[in-house]
Amino acid sequence: MNSMNQQAEEMSRYKHEVALPGGDLKIYASEQLYGTLDYKVLEMANNNLQIPGIEYMSYTPDVHVGVGTCIGTTAVWDATSGYVSPSIVGSDIGCGMRVHLTNLHMDDLREVKLRRKLVRAIERYLPMEAQERGHYSDIRLENVVRKGLHGLPNKYVPDSYTPKKSSALSHVEISRLGFDEEILNELPDMAWHRGHRQLGTLGGGNHFVEIQAIEIAEDQRGVAEAWGLQDGQIAVMIHSGSRAWGGLVNQFCTPAFAKVMGQLGLGSADPRLIFAPLAHPQAQRYVNLMYSALNYAVVNRHLIAYGVREGFRDVFGPKCELRTLYDLMHNYAWEEKTSTGSKFVHRKGATRALPAEHADNPRVYAATGHPALIPGSMGTASYIMVGQPGGEENYYSICHGAGRIRSRSATKKLVTVQEFSRSMKVGTNEEIVVNQRSLESIIDESPQAYKNVDEIIESVTGAGLAAVVAKCKPLAAIKGTK
């Protein structure tokens, strides 16, 4: 009993309750991270808590200021009488992570020259520039937004018809979300044109493809082996979202939300925070379009991975494999069944991490819980985690990355190219190869712009929300432009 009390007391150091005028906020963070939070994140939380009927709101340790709502937010309403907020979903609807496992070992990529060759090969299949068209003109966009992965031609889902190797459709958080497809007829031609052009593209900002080497955590070796992870194994981590499709959904719906709020006398101190009752026709319009963007996002990451696989095979031959470990989102809202009823859960920069035996796990991960994919900053480790039963108190939400500590403009002013270069180990045998010709062009994404990811992970594990299954060491990073 004493050990249980001691464990609970230890976990409590990573859980903070903040009573704000608008309501109660829970923050999961170490004392050190908690002490560094900007007052603006509390101000923003107070605005969010004034949305009628909100039942729960929390921040993950990577929380930082966003537009209308902080990145790192979980917010919950009743699924029938609640609200939906595009601000608590974010503009990059369906943004998320994907990891593929290869049959290569880190010794196969020991040489810096070979890593550079691989990066160049991948670039041939993955558009890097903002205006460059994706390589998938034979894919019908309407099939993608309506059917998700099931709307792709067979040749782009090569393993789905070989059951022993299949992972493309089964090892994902969602493969297709259904919705009222009639709403698609309201979208302007520009949305269809730009959405089709951008299929299979990274975008800029913090989106990336990273080639990594896996290091398994000893206390989770059984889970790692069940997932097919091996020490030294080469993995590919992908971070991207719904590109222009999701952005245009937000632009399309925002004026209507503002009008509804005016009619119903709703608002907060922040005019950028928009929301409406779920039952309102304009709210349902947004939810349906949001689900189309979630379908787009999972397909976009899938096609990025398809291109990456082609690059790997150009370098290592046709026997090189890239099996899907998992694909999940960290910007979305949807209905979830909980022990206290059906809830409409928003996650903005927060990752769902379900434990073993949870009913919402994909069948292939029912016995272990699914992989939760947490990127670091460029130049630092990333993590593969698994949810723990204690995560129920936070609706099974954990962090989504390292979290920014300074803006892009401030980073450009305060961080030198030399500092960035040292963090990427340029000129050494351990160099983290990047595809950009100049580090200066991506200095706003340097590790110095982000919190220490190890401290973020410590907060999540310390609070009992999730456990580390593997640490992923970066070997090469591929960045695009907007």
Protein backbone atom coordinates (compact mmCIF):
# COMPACT_ATOMS: atom_id res chain seq x y z
CA MET A 1 0.00 0.00 0.00
CA ASN A 2 2.87 2.33 0.86
CA SER A 3 4.47 1.76 -2.55
CA MET A 4 1.15 2.58 -4.25
CA ASN A 5 0.87 5.79 -2.25
CA GLN A 6 4.45 6.63 -3.08
CA GLN A 7 3.80 6.05 -6.79
CA ALA A 8 0.69 8.24 -6.70
CA GLU A 9 2.61 10.97 -4.93
CA GLU A 10 5.38 10.74 -7.53
CA MET A 11 2.85 11.04 -10.37
CA SER A 12 1.18 14.03 -8.72
CA ARG A 13 4.38 16.05 -9.25
CA TYR A 14 3.56 16.04 -12.97
CA LYS A 15 -0.10 17.07 -12.59
CA HIS A 16 -1.19 20.62 -11.91
CA GLU A 17 -4.71 21.93 -11.33
CA VAL A 18 -5.24 25.59 -12.17
CA ALA A 19 -8.45 27.36 -11.16
CA LEU A 20 -9.16 30.09 -13.73
CA PRO A 21 -12.12 32.49 -13.80
CA GLY A 22 -13.56 30.50 -16.72
CA GLY A 23 -13.11 27.09 -15.10
CA ASP A 24 -10.53 24.47 -14.13
CA LEU A 25 -7.51 23.60 -16.27
CA LYS A 26 -5.28 20.57 -15.84
CA ILE A 27 -1.64 20.79 -16.92
CA TYR A 28 0.60 17.73 -17.27
CA ALA A 29 4.20 18.89 -16.89
CA SER A 30 7.23 18.58 -14.68
CA GLU A 31 7.75 21.33 -12.10
CA GLN A 32 10.48 22.78 -14.29
CA LEU A 33 8.33 22.91 -17.43
CA TYR A 34 5.32 24.15 -15.49
CA GLY A 35 7.39 27.01 -14.09
CA THR A 36 8.36 28.20 -17.57
CA LEU A 37 4.83 28.49 -18.98
CA ASP A 38 3.95 31.86 -20.47
CA TYR A 39 0.99 33.66 -18.88
CA LYS A 40 -0.54 33.77 -22.37
CA VAL A 41 -1.23 30.04 -22.28
CA LEU A 42 -3.37 30.56 -19.16
CA GLU A 43 -5.08 33.55 -20.75
CA MET A 44 -5.89 31.46 -23.80
CA ALA A 45 -7.16 28.61 -21.62
CA ASN A 46 -9.47 30.99 -19.78
CA ASN A 47 -11.00 32.09 -23.09
CA ASN A 48 -11.51 28.46 -24.16
CA LEU A 49 -13.08 27.57 -20.82
CA GLN A 50 -15.78 30.16 -21.40
CA ILE A 51 -17.25 28.16 -24.28
CA PRO A 52 -20.59 26.89 -22.90
CA GLY A 53 -20.83 23.34 -21.61
CA ILE A 54 -17.14 22.50 -21.62
CA GLU A 55 -16.59 19.49 -19.36
CA TYR A 56 -12.80 19.16 -19.36
CA MET A 57 -9.70 20.93 -20.59
CA SER A 58 -6.01 20.09 -20.24
CA TYR A 59 -2.57 20.97 -21.56
CA THR A 60 0.22 18.56 -22.44
CA PRO A 61 3.83 19.48 -21.45
CA ASP A 62 4.68 20.70 -24.97
CA VAL A 63 1.96 23.38 -24.80
CA HIS A 64 2.59 26.68 -26.53
CA VAL A 65 0.53 29.59 -27.84
CA GLY A 66 -1.44 29.10 -31.05
CA VAL A 67 -4.23 30.94 -32.86
CA GLY A 68 -7.30 31.06 -30.63
CA THR A 69 -6.19 27.94 -28.74
CA CYS A 70 -2.84 26.64 -27.55
CA ILE A 71 -1.13 23.76 -29.30
CA GLY A 72 -1.18 20.96 -26.74
CA THR A 73 -4.88 21.23 -25.83
CA THR A 74 -7.48 18.57 -25.10
CA ALA A 75 -11.02 19.94 -24.72
CA VAL A 76 -14.17 17.85 -24.16
CA TRP A 77 -17.92 18.37 -24.51
CA ASP A 78 -20.94 16.11 -24.38
CA ALA A 79 -21.43 14.54 -27.81
CA THR A 80 -25.09 15.54 -28.10
CA SER A 81 -25.35 18.92 -26.38
CA GLY A 82 -21.78 20.16 -26.78
CA TYR A 83 -19.85 22.51 -29.02
CA VAL A 84 -17.31 22.27 -31.80
CA SER A 85 -14.50 24.77 -32.30
CA PRO A 86 -12.37 24.99 -35.46
CA SER A 87 -9.90 26.94 -33.30
CA ILE A 88 -9.45 23.89 -31.04
CA VAL A 89 -8.84 21.69 -34.07
CA GLY A 90 -6.37 23.98 -35.82
CA SER A 91 -5.92 25.03 -39.41
CA ASP A 92 -3.91 21.95 -40.42
CA ILE A 93 -6.77 19.51 -39.90
CA GLY A 94 -5.60 15.92 -39.54
CA CYS A 95 -1.94 16.85 -39.15
CA GLY A 96 -0.22 13.84 -37.70
CA MET A 97 2.53 11.28 -37.67
CA ARG A 98 3.40 8.10 -39.52
CA VAL A 99 6.21 5.58 -39.00
CA HIS A 100 7.40 2.87 -41.38
CA LEU A 101 9.80 0.08 -40.43
CA THR A 102 12.48 -1.07 -42.87
CA ASN A 103 14.48 -4.30 -43.09
CA LEU A 104 17.70 -2.25 -42.88
CA HIS A 105 20.07 -1.81 -39.92
CA MET A 106 21.81 1.42 -38.96
CA ASP A 107 25.10 -0.16 -40.10
CA ASP A 108 23.65 -0.06 -43.63
CA LEU A 109 23.53 3.76 -43.37
CA ARG A 110 26.71 4.34 -41.41
CA GLU A 111 28.36 6.41 -44.16
CA VAL A 112 27.35 10.05 -44.45
CA LYS A 113 27.78 9.87 -48.24
CA LEU A 114 25.24 7.07 -48.45
CA ARG A 115 22.75 9.01 -46.32
CA ARG A 116 23.12 11.95 -48.70
CA LYS A 117 22.57 9.66 -51.67
CA LEU A 118 19.39 8.30 -50.06
CA VAL A 119 18.07 11.81 -49.35
CA ARG A 120 18.63 12.81 -52.99
CA ALA A 121 16.84 9.66 -54.16
CA ILE A 122 13.82 10.42 -51.98
CA GLU A 123 13.69 14.00 -53.27
CA ARG A 124 13.09 12.67 -56.77
CA TYR A 125 9.74 11.28 -55.60
CA LEU A 126 8.78 13.88 -53.00
CA PRO A 127 8.11 17.46 -54.18
CA MET A 128 10.03 20.00 -52.10
CA GLU A 129 8.97 23.36 -53.50
CA ALA A 130 5.71 25.14 -52.74
CA GLN A 131 4.46 25.29 -56.31
CA GLU A 132 5.71 21.88 -57.42
CA ARG A 133 2.92 19.48 -58.25
CA GLY A 134 2.62 16.08 -56.57
CA HIS A 135 3.31 12.97 -58.65
CA TYR A 136 -0.18 11.51 -58.40
CA SER A 137 -2.24 13.05 -61.20
CA ASP A 138 -3.90 9.66 -61.81
CA ILE A 139 -5.59 9.72 -58.39
CA ARG A 140 -9.13 11.12 -58.19
CA LEU A 141 -9.31 13.63 -55.34
CA GLU A 142 -13.03 13.03 -54.79
CA ASN A 143 -12.26 9.37 -54.04
CA VAL A 144 -9.59 10.39 -51.53
CA VAL A 145 -11.72 12.84 -49.53
CA ARG A 146 -14.74 10.52 -49.58
CA LYS A 147 -13.06 7.17 -48.94
CA GLY A 148 -9.67 7.90 -47.42
CA LEU A 149 -7.13 5.14 -48.04
CA HIS A 150 -9.86 2.99 -49.59
CA GLY A 151 -10.16 5.55 -52.41
CA LEU A 152 -6.64 4.90 -53.71
CA PRO A 153 -5.92 2.83 -56.83
CA ASN A 154 -4.55 -0.63 -55.99
CA LYS A 155 -1.04 0.17 -57.18
CA TYR A 156 -0.62 2.75 -54.39
CA VAL A 157 -1.60 0.25 -51.69
CA PRO A 158 0.79 -2.53 -52.74
CA ASP A 159 0.64 -4.62 -49.59
CA SER A 160 -3.10 -4.59 -48.98
CA TYR A 161 -3.66 -7.70 -51.09
CA THR A 162 -0.92 -9.83 -49.52
CA PRO A 163 -2.41 -10.63 -46.09
CA LYS A 164 0.81 -11.83 -44.45
CA LYS A 165 2.51 -8.51 -45.18
CA SER A 166 -0.49 -6.21 -45.11
CA SER A 167 -0.18 -3.11 -42.94
CA ALA A 168 -1.23 -0.18 -45.14
CA LEU A 169 -4.93 -0.35 -44.24
CA SER A 170 -4.86 -2.08 -40.86
CA HIS A 171 -2.04 -0.26 -39.03
CA VAL A 172 -3.66 3.18 -38.99
CA GLU A 173 -5.78 5.18 -36.56
CA ILE A 174 -8.29 5.80 -39.33
CA SER A 175 -8.39 4.49 -42.89
CA ARG A 176 -11.71 6.16 -43.72
CA LEU A 177 -14.15 8.48 -41.93
CA GLY A 178 -17.72 8.59 -43.21
CA PHE A 179 -19.63 11.87 -43.49
CA ASP A 180 -22.40 13.60 -45.43
CA GLU A 181 -20.72 13.85 -48.82
CA GLU A 182 -23.28 16.33 -50.19
CA ILE A 183 -21.37 19.09 -48.37
CA LEU A 184 -18.47 18.68 -50.82
CA ASN A 185 -20.59 20.27 -53.54
CA GLU A 186 -20.36 23.60 -51.73
CA LEU A 187 -16.58 23.85 -51.94
CA PRO A 188 -15.09 26.21 -54.55
CA ASP A 189 -13.13 24.91 -57.54
CA MET A 190 -9.94 26.35 -56.02
CA ALA A 191 -10.13 23.84 -53.14
CA TRP A 192 -10.30 20.92 -55.57
CA HIS A 193 -7.52 22.30 -57.76
CA ARG A 194 -5.07 22.99 -54.94
CA GLY A 195 -6.00 19.84 -53.04
CA HIS A 196 -5.27 17.67 -56.05
CA ARG A 197 -1.96 19.40 -56.79
CA GLN A 198 -0.74 18.89 -53.23
CA LEU A 199 -1.46 15.18 -52.79
CA GLY A 200 1.71 13.46 -51.61
CA THR A 201 3.54 16.67 -50.63
CA LEU A 202 5.14 17.59 -47.30
CA GLY A 203 4.57 21.31 -47.05
CA GLY A 204 6.83 23.56 -45.01
CA GLY A 205 7.18 24.61 -41.39
CA ASN A 206 7.67 21.73 -38.98
CA HIS A 207 6.65 19.03 -41.47
CA PHE A 208 9.34 16.50 -42.34
CA VAL A 209 10.48 13.05 -43.33
CA GLU A 210 13.16 11.72 -40.99
CA ILE A 211 15.29 8.60 -41.29
CA GLN A 212 15.98 7.18 -37.84
CA ALA A 213 17.63 4.31 -35.97
CA ILE A 214 15.63 2.53 -33.26
CA GLU A 215 16.79 1.91 -29.69
CA ILE A 216 14.35 -0.25 -27.70
CA ALA A 217 13.49 0.54 -24.07
CA GLU A 218 14.36 -2.52 -21.96
CA ASP A 219 11.22 -2.43 -19.82
CA GLN A 220 8.99 -2.46 -22.92
CA ARG A 221 10.96 -4.97 -24.98
CA GLY A 222 8.02 -7.36 -25.11
CA VAL A 223 5.77 -4.70 -26.65
CA ALA A 224 8.53 -3.66 -29.04
CA GLU A 225 9.00 -7.21 -30.26
CA ALA A 226 5.25 -7.64 -30.72
CA TRP A 227 5.33 -4.56 -32.95
CA GLY A 228 8.31 -5.84 -34.95
CA LEU A 229 10.83 -3.32 -33.60
CA GLN A 230 14.51 -4.24 -33.39
CA ASP A 231 17.53 -2.46 -31.97
CA GLY A 232 19.39 -0.58 -34.69
CA GLN A 233 16.51 -0.97 -37.15
CA ILE A 234 16.07 1.86 -39.65
CA ALA A 235 12.67 3.55 -39.44
CA VAL A 236 11.08 6.43 -41.36
CA MET A 237 9.01 9.01 -39.50
CA ILE A 238 6.69 11.34 -41.43
CA HIS A 239 4.95 14.50 -40.20
CA SER A 240 2.38 16.20 -42.43
CA GLY A 241 -1.34 16.93 -42.68
CA SER A 242 -4.18 17.94 -44.98
CA ARG A 243 -2.25 20.73 -46.72
CA ALA A 244 -4.43 23.29 -48.56
CA TRP A 245 -7.55 21.12 -48.30
CA GLY A 246 -7.74 21.51 -44.52
CA GLY A 247 -6.72 25.15 -44.64
CA LEU A 248 -9.44 25.97 -47.16
CA VAL A 249 -12.05 24.11 -45.07
CA ASN A 250 -11.24 26.50 -42.23
CA GLN A 251 -11.38 29.55 -44.50
CA PHE A 252 -14.68 28.36 -45.93
CA CYS A 253 -16.32 27.81 -42.52
CA THR A 254 -14.93 30.65 -40.39
CA PRO A 255 -17.24 33.45 -41.66
CA ALA A 256 -20.29 31.25 -41.06
CA PHE A 257 -19.17 30.50 -37.49
CA ALA A 258 -18.64 34.21 -36.81
CA LYS A 259 -22.18 34.91 -38.02
CA VAL A 260 -23.65 32.14 -35.83
CA MET A 261 -21.78 33.44 -32.79
CA GLY A 262 -23.20 36.92 -33.40
CA GLN A 263 -26.73 35.59 -33.74
CA LEU A 264 -26.47 33.50 -30.55
CA GLY A 265 -24.63 36.12 -28.49
CA LEU A 266 -21.52 33.95 -28.13
CA GLY A 267 -17.94 35.15 -27.83
CA SER A 268 -14.81 35.54 -25.73
CA ALA A 269 -12.02 38.03 -25.23
CA ASP A 270 -10.25 36.57 -28.28
CA PRO A 271 -12.02 37.24 -31.59
CA ARG A 272 -9.94 34.48 -33.21
CA LEU A 273 -11.60 31.84 -31.01
CA ILE A 274 -14.62 30.55 -32.94
CA PHE A 275 -17.15 27.93 -31.87
CA ALA A 276 -20.78 26.90 -32.29
CA PRO A 277 -23.24 24.35 -30.84
CA LEU A 278 -22.75 20.94 -32.40
CA ALA A 279 -26.43 20.75 -33.26
CA HIS A 280 -26.31 23.93 -35.38
CA PRO A 281 -26.34 23.32 -39.17
CA GLN A 282 -23.16 25.37 -39.64
CA ALA A 283 -21.39 23.29 -37.00
CA GLN A 284 -22.44 20.08 -38.74
CA ARG A 285 -21.27 21.55 -42.02
CA TYR A 286 -17.82 22.10 -40.50
CA VAL A 287 -17.67 18.64 -38.88
CA ASN A 288 -18.44 16.95 -42.19
CA LEU A 289 -15.82 18.97 -44.05
CA MET A 290 -13.32 18.36 -41.24
CA TYR A 291 -13.79 14.62 -41.68
CA SER A 292 -13.08 14.97 -45.41
CA ALA A 293 -9.81 16.69 -44.43
CA LEU A 294 -8.95 13.82 -42.06
CA ASN A 295 -9.39 11.43 -44.99
CA TYR A 296 -7.13 13.65 -47.10
CA ALA A 297 -4.46 13.84 -44.38
CA VAL A 298 -4.05 10.09 -43.89
CA VAL A 299 -3.82 9.60 -47.66
CA ASN A 300 -1.30 12.42 -47.98
CA ARG A 301 1.03 10.80 -45.43
CA HIS A 302 0.51 7.42 -47.12
CA LEU A 303 1.56 8.83 -50.50
CA ILE A 304 4.58 10.58 -48.97
CA ALA A 305 5.60 7.18 -47.59
CA TYR A 306 5.00 5.59 -50.99
CA GLY A 307 7.45 8.04 -52.55
CA VAL A 308 9.97 7.49 -49.75
CA ARG A 309 9.78 3.73 -50.36
CA GLU A 310 10.59 4.26 -54.04
CA GLY A 311 13.64 6.31 -53.06
CA PHE A 312 14.85 3.61 -50.67
CA ARG A 313 14.46 0.96 -53.37
CA ASP A 314 16.46 3.03 -55.85
CA VAL A 315 19.36 2.94 -53.40
CA PHE A 316 18.98 -0.47 -51.70
CA GLY A 317 17.15 -2.50 -54.34
CA PRO A 318 13.63 -3.96 -54.70
CA LYS A 319 13.92 -6.17 -51.63
CA CYS A 320 13.99 -3.13 -49.34
CA GLU A 321 10.76 -3.06 -47.30
CA LEU A 322 8.88 -0.18 -45.64
CA ARG A 323 6.12 -1.72 -43.55
CA THR A 324 3.61 0.59 -41.87
CA LEU A 325 3.98 0.65 -38.09
CA TYR A 326 1.23 3.22 -37.48
CA ASP A 327 -0.38 6.44 -38.65
CA LEU A 328 -2.23 8.79 -36.29
CA MET A 329 -3.39 12.39 -36.00
CA HIS A 330 -2.91 15.18 -33.48
CA ASN A 331 -5.28 17.90 -34.86
CA TYR A 332 -8.94 16.84 -34.92
CA ALA A 333 -12.26 16.50 -33.08
CA TRP A 334 -14.62 13.54 -33.01
CA GLU A 335 -16.92 11.47 -30.84
CA GLU A 336 -15.46 8.98 -28.39
CA LYS A 337 -17.14 6.47 -26.08
CA THR A 338 -15.96 6.88 -22.48
CA SER A 339 -16.87 5.46 -19.10
CA THR A 340 -19.08 8.52 -18.54
CA GLY A 341 -20.84 8.49 -21.91
CA SER A 342 -20.25 9.75 -25.46
CA LYS A 343 -17.99 12.80 -25.62
CA PHE A 344 -16.93 15.11 -28.42
CA VAL A 345 -13.18 15.35 -27.91
CA HIS A 346 -10.97 18.02 -29.46
CA ARG A 347 -7.22 17.53 -29.71
CA LYS A 348 -5.00 20.33 -30.99
CA GLY A 349 -1.38 19.26 -30.92
CA ALA A 350 -2.27 16.28 -28.71
CA THR A 351 -1.86 12.58 -29.49
CA ARG A 352 -4.28 9.84 -28.51
CA ALA A 353 -2.41 7.01 -26.75
CA LEU A 354 -4.62 4.02 -25.94
CA PRO A 355 -3.52 1.22 -23.59
CA ALA A 356 -3.82 -2.51 -24.13
CA GLU A 357 -7.35 -3.91 -24.40
CA HIS A 358 -9.00 -0.54 -25.07
CA ALA A 359 -11.92 -1.08 -27.44
CA ASP A 360 -10.81 1.65 -29.85
CA ASN A 361 -7.45 0.06 -30.60
CA PRO A 362 -7.07 -1.32 -34.12
CA ARG A 363 -7.44 -5.10 -34.02
CA VAL A 364 -3.73 -5.65 -34.67
CA TYR A 365 -2.86 -3.64 -31.55
CA ALA A 366 -5.67 -4.80 -29.25
CA ALA A 367 -3.35 -6.81 -27.00
CA THR A 368 -0.62 -4.18 -26.61
CA GLY A 369 -2.11 -0.77 -27.26
CA HIS A 370 -1.15 1.09 -30.43
CA PRO A 371 2.11 2.96 -31.10
CA ALA A 372 1.98 6.66 -30.14
CA LEU A 373 4.43 8.57 -32.34
CA ILE A 374 6.15 11.59 -30.79
CA PRO A 375 8.72 13.54 -32.84
CA GLY A 376 11.53 15.52 -31.30
CA SER A 377 13.05 18.59 -32.85
CA MET A 378 15.39 18.35 -35.81
CA GLY A 379 18.68 17.06 -34.39
CA THR A 380 17.16 15.39 -31.32
CA ALA A 381 15.61 11.99 -30.66
CA SER A 382 11.98 11.08 -31.33
CA TYR A 383 9.95 8.52 -29.40
CA ILE A 384 7.56 5.64 -29.97
CA MET A 385 5.30 5.25 -26.92
CA VAL A 386 2.32 3.21 -25.75
CA GLY A 387 -0.61 4.44 -23.66
CA GLN A 388 -1.08 3.39 -20.05
CA PRO A 389 -4.35 2.82 -18.14
CA GLY A 390 -3.73 5.99 -16.11
CA GLY A 391 -4.20 8.01 -19.28
CA GLU A 392 -7.97 7.66 -18.94
CA GLU A 393 -8.05 10.70 -16.67
CA ASN A 394 -6.78 12.83 -19.59
CA TYR A 395 -8.94 11.14 -22.24
CA TYR A 396 -5.79 9.25 -23.24
CA SER A 397 -4.14 12.41 -24.61
CA ILE A 398 -0.38 12.88 -24.50
CA CYS A 399 2.07 15.31 -26.12
CA HIS A 400 2.54 15.60 -29.89
CA GLY A 401 6.19 16.70 -29.99
CA ALA A 402 8.73 18.94 -28.35
CA GLY A 403 6.73 22.20 -28.51
CA ARG A 404 8.16 25.55 -29.52
CA ILE A 405 9.80 27.85 -26.99
CA ARG A 406 10.27 30.77 -29.39
CA SER A 407 8.64 32.05 -32.55
CA ARG A 408 10.10 31.61 -36.00
CA SER A 409 11.10 35.26 -36.22
CA ALA A 410 12.74 35.20 -32.77
CA THR A 411 14.62 32.01 -33.66
CA LYS A 412 16.04 33.63 -36.79
CA LYS A 413 17.28 36.55 -34.68
CA LEU A 414 18.67 34.60 -31.74
CA VAL A 415 20.11 31.39 -33.22
CA THR A 416 23.22 31.42 -35.40
CA VAL A 417 23.92 29.07 -38.29
CA GLN A 418 27.00 27.90 -36.38
CA GLU A 419 24.88 26.86 -33.38
CA PHE A 420 22.44 25.07 -35.66
CA SER A 421 25.33 23.37 -37.48
CA ARG A 422 26.83 22.08 -34.24
CA SER A 423 23.50 20.64 -33.13
CA MET A 424 23.28 18.78 -36.45
CA LYS A 425 26.88 17.51 -36.00
CA VAL A 426 27.85 18.82 -39.43
CA GLY A 427 31.27 17.67 -40.60
CA THR A 428 31.39 14.59 -38.35
CA ASN A 429 30.61 10.93 -38.94
CA GLU A 430 27.45 11.44 -36.87
CA GLU A 431 26.15 14.26 -39.10
CA ILE A 432 22.37 14.44 -39.40
CA VAL A 433 22.04 14.94 -43.13
CA VAL A 434 19.46 17.48 -44.34
CA ASN A 435 18.25 18.01 -47.87
CA GLN A 436 18.35 21.81 -47.75
CA ARG A 437 21.40 23.31 -49.41
CA SER A 438 21.70 25.92 -46.67
CA LEU A 439 20.92 25.48 -42.97
CA GLU A 440 20.06 29.18 -42.87
CA SER A 441 16.92 28.52 -44.93
CA ILE A 442 15.47 26.28 -42.17
CA ILE A 443 17.01 27.86 -39.07
CA ASP A 444 13.52 28.60 -37.70
CA GLU A 445 13.17 24.81 -37.33
CA SER A 446 16.47 24.34 -35.50
CA PRO A 447 16.48 22.40 -32.19
CA GLN A 448 17.05 25.72 -30.42
CA ALA A 449 13.47 26.74 -31.33
CA TYR A 450 12.00 23.88 -29.31
CA LYS A 451 11.71 22.61 -25.77
CA ASN A 452 13.84 19.68 -24.63
CA VAL A 453 11.90 16.65 -25.89
CA ASP A 454 13.39 14.42 -23.19
CA GLU A 455 11.80 16.65 -20.53
CA ILE A 456 8.48 16.46 -22.39
CA ILE A 457 8.64 12.66 -22.44
CA GLU A 458 9.62 12.56 -18.76
CA SER A 459 6.46 14.53 -17.92
CA VAL A 460 4.25 12.12 -19.87
CA THR A 461 5.79 9.00 -18.36
CA GLY A 462 6.02 10.57 -14.91
CA ALA A 463 2.30 11.33 -14.96
CA GLY A 464 1.57 7.71 -15.88
CA LEU A 465 -0.06 8.59 -19.21
CA ALA A 466 2.23 6.55 -21.49
CA ALA A 467 5.47 4.57 -21.54
CA VAL A 468 8.45 4.73 -23.90
CA VAL A 469 8.79 1.70 -26.17
CA ALA A 470 11.65 2.99 -28.33
CA LYS A 471 13.87 6.00 -28.80
CA CYS A 472 14.63 6.97 -32.39
CA LYS A 473 17.97 8.56 -33.25
CA PRO A 474 17.90 10.89 -36.31
CA LEU A 475 20.21 10.08 -39.23
CA ALA A 476 18.77 12.30 -41.98
CA ALA A 477 15.96 14.86 -42.27
CA ILE A 478 14.03 15.98 -45.34
CA LYS A 479 12.27 19.34 -45.21
CA GLY A 480 10.03 21.02 -47.77
CA THR A 481 8.77 24.56 -48.25
CA LYS A 482 5.23 25.89 -48.05
